[in-house]
């Protein structure tokens, strides 16, 4: 759905579901819109409908898992991430989300395995590089963390040169590492792109 016309997209999926209530894709896309609007119970209903119609809908399992994680239903989220990966073992986003969940639960070996798998499947997954870099910082692997922060920065700048977040994250890492000049450079870049970053 186009973020610029949420109401139009919402109407489109309501109409699609009125015409065909068994359209799993329409339920899934409508759930995403409701989730973005903060209508968690509505989103949950439509994710469940999408999965009732198509139990092998890996994308829906992954996204529903993410919603359940936000609701603090860790067991439910885990079950849906695992189901997404059973259906599609090459689902980079499910590997990434599952890695974040495992990290939160303290399963560091499992988290690392799934971060690595997400990046093996999609080496240009900037968000996974950033999260894996933070994971490596916690683990004490500063060289590995720096490599993944740099990869995230390289990819992010190619995709969206006007996004300050990657500069900000890398600057925080460099400051922690003791590279004050490097940190200052990336903080300045973040501020140049978006002065509200201060």
Protein backbone atom coordinates (compact mmCIF):
# COMPACT_ATOMS: atom_id res chain seq x y z
CA UNK A 1 0.00 0.00 0.00
CA UNK A 2 1.15 3.51 -0.82
CA UNK A 3 1.95 5.28 2.45
CA UNK A 4 0.70 8.53 0.86
CA UNK A 5 -2.85 7.23 0.47
CA UNK A 6 -3.61 4.99 3.46
CA UNK A 7 -7.33 5.79 3.35
CA UNK A 8 -7.48 4.91 -0.35
CA UNK A 9 -5.59 1.66 0.19
CA UNK A 10 -7.78 0.79 3.16
CA UNK A 11 -10.90 1.34 1.07
CA UNK A 12 -9.40 -0.76 -1.75
CA UNK A 13 -8.81 -3.77 0.53
CA UNK A 14 -12.21 -3.42 2.22
CA UNK A 15 -13.81 -3.50 -1.22
CA UNK A 16 -11.64 -6.46 -2.32
CA UNK A 17 -12.72 -8.38 0.80
CA UNK A 18 -16.38 -7.46 0.28
CA UNK A 19 -16.14 -8.97 -3.22
CA UNK A 20 -14.06 -11.98 -2.14
CA UNK A 21 -13.84 -12.62 1.63
CA UNK A 22 -11.53 -15.59 0.93
CA UNK A 23 -8.72 -13.49 -0.62
CA UNK A 24 -5.72 -14.22 1.62
CA UNK A 25 -3.58 -11.50 -0.01
CA UNK A 26 -6.23 -8.85 0.62
CA UNK A 27 -6.52 -9.93 4.28
CA UNK A 28 -2.72 -9.80 4.61
CA UNK A 29 -2.34 -6.35 3.02
CA UNK A 30 -5.28 -4.96 4.98
CA UNK A 31 -3.72 -6.34 8.20
CA UNK A 32 -0.50 -4.43 7.43
CA UNK A 33 -2.43 -1.18 6.99
CA UNK A 34 -4.34 -1.71 10.24
CA UNK A 35 -1.10 -2.59 12.05
CA UNK A 36 0.53 0.62 10.77
CA UNK A 37 -2.51 2.60 11.99
CA UNK A 38 -2.23 1.02 15.44
CA UNK A 39 -5.38 -1.09 15.14
CA UNK A 40 -3.75 -4.19 16.61
CA UNK A 41 -6.90 -6.25 17.13
CA UNK A 42 -8.11 -5.51 13.58
CA UNK A 43 -4.69 -6.39 12.17
CA UNK A 44 -4.59 -9.60 14.20
CA UNK A 45 -8.00 -10.65 12.90
CA UNK A 46 -6.95 -10.17 9.26
CA UNK A 47 -3.57 -11.93 9.72
CA UNK A 48 -5.48 -14.86 11.22
CA UNK A 49 -7.93 -14.84 8.31
CA UNK A 50 -5.07 -14.80 5.77
CA UNK A 51 -3.51 -17.80 7.53
CA UNK A 52 -6.84 -19.63 7.85
CA UNK A 53 -7.27 -19.33 4.07
CA UNK A 54 -3.62 -20.08 3.28
CA UNK A 55 -1.78 -21.81 6.17
CA UNK A 56 1.41 -21.89 4.05
CA UNK A 57 1.59 -18.09 3.65
CA UNK A 58 5.16 -17.56 4.91
CA UNK A 59 5.03 -13.76 4.65
CA UNK A 60 1.86 -13.65 6.75
CA UNK A 61 3.38 -15.94 9.40
CA UNK A 62 6.44 -13.66 9.61
CA UNK A 63 4.49 -10.40 9.80
CA UNK A 64 1.95 -11.82 12.24
CA UNK A 65 4.88 -13.05 14.35
CA UNK A 66 6.20 -9.49 14.42
CA UNK A 67 2.82 -8.19 15.62
CA UNK A 68 2.70 -10.86 18.35
CA UNK A 69 6.21 -9.87 19.47
CA UNK A 70 5.01 -6.26 19.81
CA UNK A 71 2.12 -7.61 21.94
CA UNK A 72 4.70 -9.39 24.12
CA UNK A 73 3.34 -12.79 23.03
CA UNK A 74 6.83 -14.25 22.65
CA UNK A 75 5.68 -17.88 22.38
CA UNK A 76 3.21 -16.96 19.62
CA UNK A 77 5.79 -14.90 17.76
CA UNK A 78 8.32 -17.73 17.96
CA UNK A 79 5.78 -20.24 16.64
CA UNK A 80 4.94 -18.04 13.62
CA UNK A 81 8.59 -17.22 12.80
CA UNK A 82 9.40 -20.94 12.92
CA UNK A 83 6.42 -21.71 10.70
CA UNK A 84 7.49 -19.04 8.18
CA UNK A 85 10.96 -20.61 8.07
CA UNK A 86 9.58 -24.14 7.78
CA UNK A 87 7.55 -23.03 4.75
CA UNK A 88 10.33 -20.90 3.25
CA UNK A 89 13.83 -21.49 4.70
CA UNK A 90 15.14 -18.67 2.46
CA UNK A 91 12.90 -16.01 4.06
CA UNK A 92 15.55 -13.44 5.08
CA UNK A 93 13.07 -11.25 7.01
CA UNK A 94 11.84 -14.20 9.07
CA UNK A 95 15.44 -15.15 9.89
CA UNK A 96 16.10 -11.54 10.94
CA UNK A 97 12.97 -11.27 13.09
CA UNK A 98 13.62 -14.66 14.65
CA UNK A 99 17.23 -13.64 15.40
CA UNK A 100 15.99 -10.52 17.24
CA UNK A 101 13.53 -12.64 19.23
CA UNK A 102 16.20 -15.20 20.17
CA UNK A 103 18.59 -12.41 21.21
CA UNK A 104 15.89 -10.96 23.47
CA UNK A 105 15.37 -14.43 25.00
CA UNK A 106 19.14 -14.80 25.61
CA UNK A 107 19.76 -17.51 22.98
CA UNK A 108 22.86 -15.83 21.56
CA UNK A 109 24.05 -18.81 19.50
CA UNK A 110 20.62 -19.16 17.88
CA UNK A 111 20.38 -15.41 17.27
CA UNK A 112 23.79 -15.30 15.61
CA UNK A 113 22.96 -18.25 13.38
CA UNK A 114 19.77 -16.54 12.14
CA UNK A 115 21.43 -13.11 11.63
CA UNK A 116 24.08 -14.83 9.54
CA UNK A 117 21.48 -16.75 7.56
CA UNK A 118 19.46 -13.58 6.87
CA UNK A 119 22.62 -11.92 5.52
CA UNK A 120 23.66 -14.98 3.52
CA UNK A 121 20.26 -14.95 1.79
CA UNK A 122 20.20 -11.16 1.35
CA UNK A 123 23.67 -9.56 1.66
CA UNK A 124 22.08 -6.13 0.99
CA UNK A 125 19.79 -6.24 4.03
CA UNK A 126 20.99 -3.04 5.75
CA UNK A 127 18.83 -3.43 8.86
CA UNK A 128 20.18 -6.95 9.45
CA UNK A 129 23.75 -5.65 9.11
CA UNK A 130 23.02 -2.97 11.72
CA UNK A 131 21.38 -5.38 14.17
CA UNK A 132 24.11 -7.99 13.70
CA UNK A 133 26.73 -5.27 14.24
CA UNK A 134 25.08 -4.30 17.55
CA UNK A 135 24.97 -8.00 18.47
CA UNK A 136 28.72 -8.29 17.75
CA UNK A 137 29.48 -5.19 19.85
CA UNK A 138 27.74 -6.89 22.81
CA UNK A 139 29.76 -10.02 22.07
CA UNK A 140 33.02 -8.03 22.06
CA UNK A 141 33.80 -8.60 18.35
CA UNK A 142 34.56 -4.96 17.51
CA UNK A 143 36.20 -5.70 14.13
CA UNK A 144 33.21 -7.78 13.02
CA UNK A 145 30.81 -5.11 14.26
CA UNK A 146 32.66 -2.39 12.36
CA UNK A 147 32.50 -4.42 9.15
CA UNK A 148 28.72 -4.83 9.45
CA UNK A 149 28.14 -1.18 10.40
CA UNK A 150 30.14 -0.16 7.30
CA UNK A 151 28.12 -2.56 5.12
CA UNK A 152 24.89 -1.13 6.51
CA UNK A 153 26.11 2.41 5.81
CA UNK A 154 27.22 1.53 2.26
CA UNK A 155 23.87 -0.13 1.44
CA UNK A 156 21.73 2.52 3.16
CA UNK A 157 23.46 5.39 1.39
CA UNK A 158 22.91 3.70 -1.96
CA UNK A 159 19.21 3.08 -1.25
CA UNK A 160 18.36 6.27 0.67
CA UNK A 161 21.13 8.88 0.90
CA UNK A 162 18.77 11.16 2.86
CA UNK A 163 18.32 8.81 5.83
CA UNK A 164 20.30 9.98 8.89
CA UNK A 165 19.74 6.85 11.03
CA UNK A 166 22.65 4.78 9.72
CA UNK A 167 25.09 7.68 10.16
CA UNK A 168 23.79 8.16 13.69
CA UNK A 169 24.15 4.45 14.59
CA UNK A 170 27.65 4.24 13.12
CA UNK A 171 28.66 7.45 14.94
CA UNK A 172 27.49 5.99 18.26
CA UNK A 173 29.54 2.85 17.57
CA UNK A 174 32.68 4.87 16.66
CA UNK A 175 32.31 6.99 19.81
CA UNK A 176 32.07 3.84 21.93
CA UNK A 177 35.15 2.49 20.13
CA UNK A 178 37.07 5.69 20.93
CA UNK A 179 37.23 7.04 17.36
CA UNK A 180 36.03 10.54 18.27
CA UNK A 181 36.93 12.13 14.91
CA UNK A 182 35.06 9.42 12.99
CA UNK A 183 32.09 9.66 15.35
CA UNK A 184 31.98 13.43 14.95
CA UNK A 185 32.07 13.13 11.14
CA UNK A 186 29.08 10.75 11.08
CA UNK A 187 27.12 12.75 13.70
CA UNK A 188 27.68 15.84 11.49
CA UNK A 189 26.45 13.90 8.43
CA UNK A 190 23.33 12.83 10.32
CA UNK A 191 22.71 16.46 11.36
CA UNK A 192 23.33 17.74 7.83
CA UNK A 193 20.67 15.35 6.51
CA UNK A 194 18.25 16.00 9.38
CA UNK A 195 18.93 18.79 11.91
CA UNK A 196 16.35 17.21 14.26
CA UNK A 197 18.88 14.40 14.93
CA UNK A 198 20.59 16.51 17.61
